[in-house]
């Protein structure tokens, strides 16, 4: 009987503690007020959330950003990474969802333009906006923009040097300042190689449909373009497919894409999105937050923009002579001897 009374007393005390909120070591459920992210603050690990405007699988822009945060998770035990794909909708809500549970939120895509009003709602969260910049500095936002016009100048030069028809082309994802920044650099570089070169451009008006990318590439090829620069994310797969079928060369974008179609892709304009994210967060972990509240331009001078020709052993269509010329042009851009046009 004494044992039974003791057990009942213990049970009553446990229930009383639970009713008063006295338990420890368990997560409470409920809405997190806007502007707070207690989970990110109390965990032993630093919570980093990557939010992309579209979806992964493009093997260029979005996948490069994911490679960057994946490397952070692999190299730093204290960093915990989660990813969110917006699938081209609900960008503001997904940005808030990320901020509710992370200390650092990396937003990839121009679609997150409301970050400059959303970020101040979360003063304890630090944001990184990739490929765009707020209209004015926001103290907890690091903008990272890229000198894609510089890298595009170099691949435009390669395209013109490799063209036999005297016509090269570019498939852009949309008629926007960022995409046109690639195109003006590409055009300038092509004309630097050959003043008489003709540059044809077309917009797919989507980043997600390889079939449309293929149609665009065929249209350019019908106009004589025998080297085509893809600047359209997943649509680029269609450009490569058309190149394989029709026998023209292609140029990849953002990542070194040569492995996708070794016989078709002669080089890629590399924009080191993943590396820039990695380096920014690495500095943050080391206690350096000086970049936040500023716009950091990742360009050729700091090694974040360049040209890739594939891994060792890849088929090389571009001669060593042209590669040497590209390196010389790169040096001239870095030292200011060549000023590349820009839309930004």
Protein backbone atom coordinates (compact mmCIF):
# COMPACT_ATOMS: atom_id res chain seq x y z
CA UNK A 1 0.00 0.00 0.00
CA UNK A 2 2.83 2.40 0.86
CA UNK A 3 4.44 1.68 -2.51
CA UNK A 4 1.15 2.36 -4.30
CA UNK A 5 0.69 5.68 -2.47
CA UNK A 6 4.26 6.67 -3.32
CA UNK A 7 3.70 5.90 -6.98
CA UNK A 8 0.44 7.89 -7.06
CA UNK A 9 2.13 10.84 -5.34
CA UNK A 10 4.97 10.81 -7.87
CA UNK A 11 2.47 10.71 -10.74
CA UNK A 12 0.54 13.68 -9.34
CA UNK A 13 3.73 15.71 -8.94
CA UNK A 14 4.82 14.93 -12.52
CA UNK A 15 1.44 16.01 -13.92
CA UNK A 16 1.53 19.19 -11.86
CA UNK A 17 4.98 20.08 -13.19
CA UNK A 18 3.87 19.44 -16.76
CA UNK A 19 0.83 21.66 -16.29
CA UNK A 20 3.07 24.45 -15.03
CA UNK A 21 5.50 24.10 -17.91
CA UNK A 22 8.19 22.62 -15.75
CA UNK A 23 9.49 19.95 -18.15
CA UNK A 24 12.86 20.41 -19.86
CA UNK A 25 14.60 19.02 -22.92
CA UNK A 26 11.53 19.00 -25.22
CA UNK A 27 10.47 21.33 -28.04
CA UNK A 28 7.36 23.42 -27.52
CA UNK A 29 4.92 23.83 -30.37
CA UNK A 30 3.37 27.10 -31.46
CA UNK A 31 3.88 30.08 -33.71
CA UNK A 32 7.16 31.96 -33.56
CA UNK A 33 6.56 35.72 -33.45
CA UNK A 34 7.83 37.61 -36.49
CA UNK A 35 11.36 38.89 -35.93
CA UNK A 36 12.50 36.05 -33.69
CA UNK A 37 14.14 32.73 -34.37
CA UNK A 38 14.66 31.21 -30.96
CA UNK A 39 15.47 27.78 -32.40
CA UNK A 40 18.47 29.16 -34.24
CA UNK A 41 19.61 31.03 -31.15
CA UNK A 42 19.44 28.15 -28.68
CA UNK A 43 20.81 25.30 -30.78
CA UNK A 44 24.49 24.43 -30.46
CA UNK A 45 24.81 24.61 -34.23
CA UNK A 46 24.62 27.68 -36.44
CA UNK A 47 21.49 27.30 -38.58
CA UNK A 48 21.97 28.32 -42.22
CA UNK A 49 19.00 28.27 -44.61
CA UNK A 50 19.43 28.40 -48.38
CA UNK A 51 16.33 29.59 -50.25
CA UNK A 52 16.31 29.43 -54.05
CA UNK A 53 13.71 31.15 -56.20
CA UNK A 54 13.34 28.15 -58.50
CA UNK A 55 14.41 24.54 -58.02
CA UNK A 56 17.65 22.62 -57.84
CA UNK A 57 18.82 20.49 -60.73
CA UNK A 58 19.90 23.24 -63.13
CA UNK A 59 23.58 22.21 -62.86
CA UNK A 60 24.53 25.88 -62.84
CA UNK A 61 23.22 28.79 -60.74
CA UNK A 62 21.05 27.13 -58.08
CA UNK A 63 23.13 23.97 -57.87
CA UNK A 64 26.26 26.07 -57.40
CA UNK A 65 24.68 27.77 -54.38
CA UNK A 66 23.74 24.39 -52.92
CA UNK A 67 27.27 23.08 -53.43
CA UNK A 68 28.48 26.05 -51.38
CA UNK A 69 26.26 25.39 -48.36
CA UNK A 70 26.83 21.64 -48.61
CA UNK A 71 30.56 22.31 -48.34
CA UNK A 72 29.94 24.50 -45.29
CA UNK A 73 28.05 21.66 -43.60
CA UNK A 74 30.85 19.23 -44.44
CA UNK A 75 33.68 21.48 -43.27
CA UNK A 76 32.15 23.00 -40.13
CA UNK A 77 30.59 20.75 -37.49
CA UNK A 78 28.82 23.70 -35.91
CA UNK A 79 26.90 24.59 -39.10
CA UNK A 80 23.53 23.00 -39.79
CA UNK A 81 22.12 23.58 -43.28
CA UNK A 82 18.60 23.35 -44.62
CA UNK A 83 17.36 24.21 -48.11
CA UNK A 84 14.08 25.55 -49.47
CA UNK A 85 12.99 25.49 -53.13
CA UNK A 86 10.36 28.11 -53.94
CA UNK A 87 9.52 26.58 -57.31
CA UNK A 88 8.95 30.12 -58.61
CA UNK A 89 6.24 31.05 -56.14
CA UNK A 90 5.66 32.34 -52.57
CA UNK A 91 9.09 33.94 -52.36
CA UNK A 92 8.28 36.33 -49.52
CA UNK A 93 6.65 33.63 -47.38
CA UNK A 94 9.48 31.19 -47.95
CA UNK A 95 12.00 33.87 -47.03
CA UNK A 96 10.13 34.41 -43.77
CA UNK A 97 9.91 30.66 -43.19
CA UNK A 98 13.69 30.45 -43.49
CA UNK A 99 14.23 33.42 -41.16
CA UNK A 100 11.98 31.87 -38.51
CA UNK A 101 14.40 28.98 -38.01
CA UNK A 102 17.85 30.14 -39.16
CA UNK A 103 20.54 32.55 -38.08
CA UNK A 104 21.82 33.07 -41.61
CA UNK A 105 19.46 33.08 -44.60
CA UNK A 106 20.91 32.91 -48.11
CA UNK A 107 18.39 34.06 -50.74
CA UNK A 108 19.29 33.16 -54.32
CA UNK A 109 17.50 35.04 -57.09
CA UNK A 110 16.20 38.49 -57.99
CA UNK A 111 12.74 37.37 -56.93
CA UNK A 112 13.63 38.08 -53.29
CA UNK A 113 13.57 41.86 -53.87
CA UNK A 114 11.36 42.37 -50.81
CA UNK A 115 14.30 41.29 -48.66
CA UNK A 116 15.01 44.95 -47.94
CA UNK A 117 11.70 45.27 -46.11
CA UNK A 118 11.56 41.74 -44.72
CA UNK A 119 15.10 41.65 -43.27
CA UNK A 120 14.50 44.52 -40.80
CA UNK A 121 11.65 42.45 -39.34
CA UNK A 122 14.30 39.93 -38.24
CA UNK A 123 17.09 41.97 -36.60
CA UNK A 124 18.64 38.81 -35.09
CA UNK A 125 18.95 37.12 -38.49
CA UNK A 126 21.66 37.91 -41.03
CA UNK A 127 20.77 37.64 -44.70
CA UNK A 128 22.80 37.14 -47.87
CA UNK A 129 21.15 38.15 -51.15
CA UNK A 130 22.76 36.51 -54.15
CA UNK A 131 23.07 38.22 -57.54
CA UNK A 132 21.22 41.41 -56.54
CA UNK A 133 21.46 44.41 -54.25
CA UNK A 134 19.04 46.33 -52.07
CA UNK A 135 18.20 49.88 -53.16
CA UNK A 136 19.94 51.16 -50.02
CA UNK A 137 22.17 49.44 -47.45
CA UNK A 138 20.36 47.23 -44.92
CA UNK A 139 22.44 46.51 -41.82
CA UNK A 140 21.70 42.77 -41.68
CA UNK A 141 21.85 42.11 -45.44
CA UNK A 142 24.98 41.26 -47.40
CA UNK A 143 24.40 41.75 -51.12
CA UNK A 144 26.65 39.73 -53.42
CA UNK A 145 26.71 40.74 -57.07
CA UNK A 146 28.94 39.29 -59.76
CA UNK A 147 30.87 40.78 -62.66
CA UNK A 148 29.34 38.32 -65.10
CA UNK A 149 29.92 40.86 -67.86
CA UNK A 150 33.68 40.36 -67.42
CA UNK A 151 33.56 36.59 -67.67
CA UNK A 152 31.13 36.86 -70.57
CA UNK A 153 33.60 39.10 -72.41
CA UNK A 154 36.12 36.27 -72.28
CA UNK A 155 33.77 33.57 -73.54
CA UNK A 156 32.50 35.95 -76.21
CA UNK A 157 36.09 36.26 -77.37
CA UNK A 158 36.40 32.45 -77.44
CA UNK A 159 33.11 32.13 -79.33
CA UNK A 160 34.22 34.52 -82.07
CA UNK A 161 37.61 32.85 -82.35
CA UNK A 162 35.98 29.42 -82.69
CA UNK A 163 33.21 30.46 -85.08
CA UNK A 164 33.52 29.45 -88.72
CA UNK A 165 30.30 31.10 -89.85
CA UNK A 166 31.00 34.58 -88.50
CA UNK A 167 27.82 34.38 -86.42
CA UNK A 168 27.56 33.56 -82.70
CA UNK A 169 24.53 33.57 -80.44
CA UNK A 170 23.22 33.78 -76.89
CA UNK A 171 20.06 32.32 -75.32
CA UNK A 172 19.02 34.45 -72.33
CA UNK A 173 16.48 33.36 -69.76
CA UNK A 174 14.72 36.73 -69.77
CA UNK A 175 15.13 40.32 -70.89
CA UNK A 176 16.48 41.65 -67.60
CA UNK A 177 19.40 43.73 -66.40
CA UNK A 178 21.25 40.71 -65.04
CA UNK A 179 20.88 38.57 -68.17
CA UNK A 180 21.68 41.52 -70.42
CA UNK A 181 24.83 42.08 -68.37
CA UNK A 182 26.02 38.71 -69.67
CA UNK A 183 24.98 39.60 -73.21
CA UNK A 184 26.69 43.01 -73.43
CA UNK A 185 29.93 41.48 -72.16
CA UNK A 186 29.62 38.53 -74.54
CA UNK A 187 28.99 40.86 -77.49
CA UNK A 188 31.88 43.15 -76.61
CA UNK A 189 34.26 40.21 -76.23
CA UNK A 190 33.16 38.70 -79.54
CA UNK A 191 33.74 41.97 -81.36
CA UNK A 192 37.10 42.37 -79.67
CA UNK A 193 38.09 39.12 -81.38
CA UNK A 194 36.43 39.94 -84.70
CA UNK A 195 34.96 43.36 -85.43
CA UNK A 196 32.81 41.85 -88.17
CA UNK A 197 31.28 39.10 -86.05
CA UNK A 198 27.50 39.03 -85.88
CA UNK A 199 25.90 38.35 -82.50
CA UNK A 200 22.33 37.01 -82.44
CA UNK A 201 20.35 36.87 -79.19
CA UNK A 202 17.02 35.39 -78.13
CA UNK A 203 15.15 35.11 -74.81
CA UNK A 204 13.53 31.88 -73.65
CA UNK A 205 11.38 33.76 -71.08
CA UNK A 206 11.71 30.80 -68.75
CA UNK A 207 14.55 29.11 -66.93
CA UNK A 208 12.95 25.73 -66.46
CA UNK A 209 12.07 24.21 -69.83
CA UNK A 210 14.85 22.54 -71.86
CA UNK A 211 12.46 22.10 -74.81
CA UNK A 212 12.12 25.87 -75.13
CA UNK A 213 15.88 26.27 -74.77
CA UNK A 214 16.32 23.83 -77.62
CA UNK A 215 13.87 25.74 -79.82
CA UNK A 216 15.71 28.99 -79.12
CA UNK A 217 19.06 27.43 -79.98
CA UNK A 218 17.70 26.01 -83.23
CA UNK A 219 16.37 29.46 -84.14
CA UNK A 220 19.82 30.96 -83.60
CA UNK A 221 21.50 28.16 -85.50
CA UNK A 222 19.10 28.76 -88.41
CA UNK A 223 20.42 32.33 -88.43
CA UNK A 224 23.95 30.99 -88.82
CA UNK A 225 25.17 30.89 -85.21
CA UNK A 226 27.64 28.05 -84.80
CA UNK A 227 28.67 28.88 -81.20
CA UNK A 228 25.83 29.57 -78.73
CA UNK A 229 26.14 30.83 -75.16
CA UNK A 230 23.39 29.54 -72.85
CA UNK A 231 22.35 31.94 -70.05
CA UNK A 232 19.07 30.28 -69.15
CA UNK A 233 19.57 27.74 -66.34
CA UNK A 234 17.75 24.45 -67.10
CA UNK A 235 16.86 25.71 -70.58
CA UNK A 236 20.56 25.31 -71.28
CA UNK A 237 20.13 21.54 -71.39
CA UNK A 238 18.06 22.07 -74.52
CA UNK A 239 20.78 24.26 -76.02
CA UNK A 240 23.32 21.47 -75.48
CA UNK A 241 20.94 18.91 -76.96
CA UNK A 242 20.43 21.03 -80.06
CA UNK A 243 24.19 21.45 -80.39
CA UNK A 244 24.71 17.69 -80.30
CA UNK A 245 22.03 17.16 -82.95
CA UNK A 246 22.96 20.02 -85.25
CA UNK A 247 26.71 20.06 -84.85
CA UNK A 248 27.30 23.52 -83.34
CA UNK A 249 29.30 24.41 -80.24
CA UNK A 250 27.84 25.68 -76.95
CA UNK A 251 29.16 27.63 -73.99
CA UNK A 252 28.00 26.86 -70.44
CA UNK A 253 27.21 29.27 -67.64
CA UNK A 254 27.78 29.82 -63.90
CA UNK A 255 29.42 26.42 -63.28
CA UNK A 256 31.91 24.46 -65.39
CA UNK A 257 29.32 22.57 -67.43
CA UNK A 258 31.61 20.82 -69.88
CA UNK A 259 31.02 17.42 -68.28
CA UNK A 260 27.37 17.59 -69.40
CA UNK A 261 28.20 17.44 -73.12
CA UNK A 262 31.95 17.14 -73.56
CA UNK A 263 31.88 17.22 -77.38
CA UNK A 264 29.51 20.19 -77.56
CA UNK A 265 30.47 22.53 -74.69
CA UNK A 266 33.81 24.19 -75.45
CA UNK A 267 34.00 26.24 -72.23
CA UNK A 268 31.85 27.83 -69.53
CA UNK A 269 31.56 31.29 -68.04
CA UNK A 270 32.08 30.52 -64.38
CA UNK A 271 30.42 32.58 -61.67
CA UNK A 272 31.50 31.11 -58.36
CA UNK A 273 28.21 31.50 -56.49
CA UNK A 274 28.83 28.57 -54.15
CA UNK A 275 32.37 29.66 -53.33
CA UNK A 276 31.28 33.22 -52.57
CA UNK A 277 28.58 31.96 -50.18
CA UNK A 278 31.08 29.62 -48.54
CA UNK A 279 33.66 32.38 -48.06
CA UNK A 280 31.14 34.87 -46.68
CA UNK A 281 29.75 32.42 -44.10
CA UNK A 282 33.25 31.20 -43.23
CA UNK A 283 34.23 34.80 -42.43
CA UNK A 284 31.05 35.18 -40.38
CA UNK A 285 31.86 32.08 -38.34
CA UNK A 286 35.31 33.54 -37.76
CA UNK A 287 33.74 36.68 -36.30
CA UNK A 288 34.02 38.96 -39.35
CA UNK A 289 30.66 40.54 -40.16
CA UNK A 290 32.12 43.60 -41.89
CA UNK A 291 30.53 42.72 -45.24
CA UNK A 292 26.97 42.89 -43.88
CA UNK A 293 25.28 46.16 -44.73
CA UNK A 294 27.32 46.39 -47.94
CA UNK A 295 27.33 45.14 -51.52
CA UNK A 296 30.25 42.86 -52.30
CA UNK A 297 31.18 42.63 -55.98
CA UNK A 298 32.62 39.21 -56.81
CA UNK A 299 34.67 39.67 -59.95
CA UNK A 300 37.78 38.54 -61.79
CA UNK A 301 40.16 40.45 -59.54
CA UNK A 302 39.12 38.40 -56.49
CA UNK A 303 38.83 35.12 -58.39
CA UNK A 304 35.06 34.61 -58.43
CA UNK A 305 34.55 35.05 -62.18
CA UNK A 306 36.43 33.27 -64.96
CA UNK A 307 36.39 30.62 -67.68
CA UNK A 308 36.33 26.84 -67.23
CA UNK A 309 37.40 24.28 -69.82
CA UNK A 310 36.39 21.11 -67.99
CA UNK A 311 38.26 18.70 -65.78
CA UNK A 312 41.61 17.17 -66.63
CA UNK A 313 41.15 14.70 -69.48
CA UNK A 314 38.14 16.52 -70.98
CA UNK A 315 38.06 17.03 -74.74
CA UNK A 316 39.59 20.40 -75.58
CA UNK A 317 38.28 22.23 -78.61
CA UNK A 318 39.82 25.57 -77.59
CA UNK A 319 43.50 25.75 -78.51
CA UNK A 320 46.26 26.59 -76.04
CA UNK A 321 46.92 29.72 -78.10
CA UNK A 322 43.37 31.02 -77.62
CA UNK A 323 43.49 30.11 -73.92
CA UNK A 324 46.67 32.16 -73.56
CA UNK A 325 44.96 35.10 -75.27
CA UNK A 326 42.07 34.75 -72.85
CA UNK A 327 44.45 34.92 -69.89
CA UNK A 328 46.03 38.06 -71.33
CA UNK A 329 42.61 39.65 -71.76
CA UNK A 330 41.72 38.68 -68.20
CA UNK A 331 44.80 40.50 -66.92
CA UNK A 332 43.86 43.57 -68.97
CA UNK A 333 40.36 43.59 -67.48
CA UNK A 334 41.70 43.26 -63.95
CA UNK A 335 44.20 46.10 -64.36
CA UNK A 336 41.63 48.34 -66.05
CA UNK A 337 43.19 48.40 -69.50
CA UNK A 338 39.94 46.92 -70.85
CA UNK A 339 36.70 48.25 -69.44
CA UNK A 340 33.81 45.85 -70.01
CA UNK A 341 30.38 47.34 -70.64
CA UNK A 342 27.68 46.60 -68.09
CA UNK A 343 23.95 47.03 -67.55
CA UNK A 344 24.47 47.55 -63.83
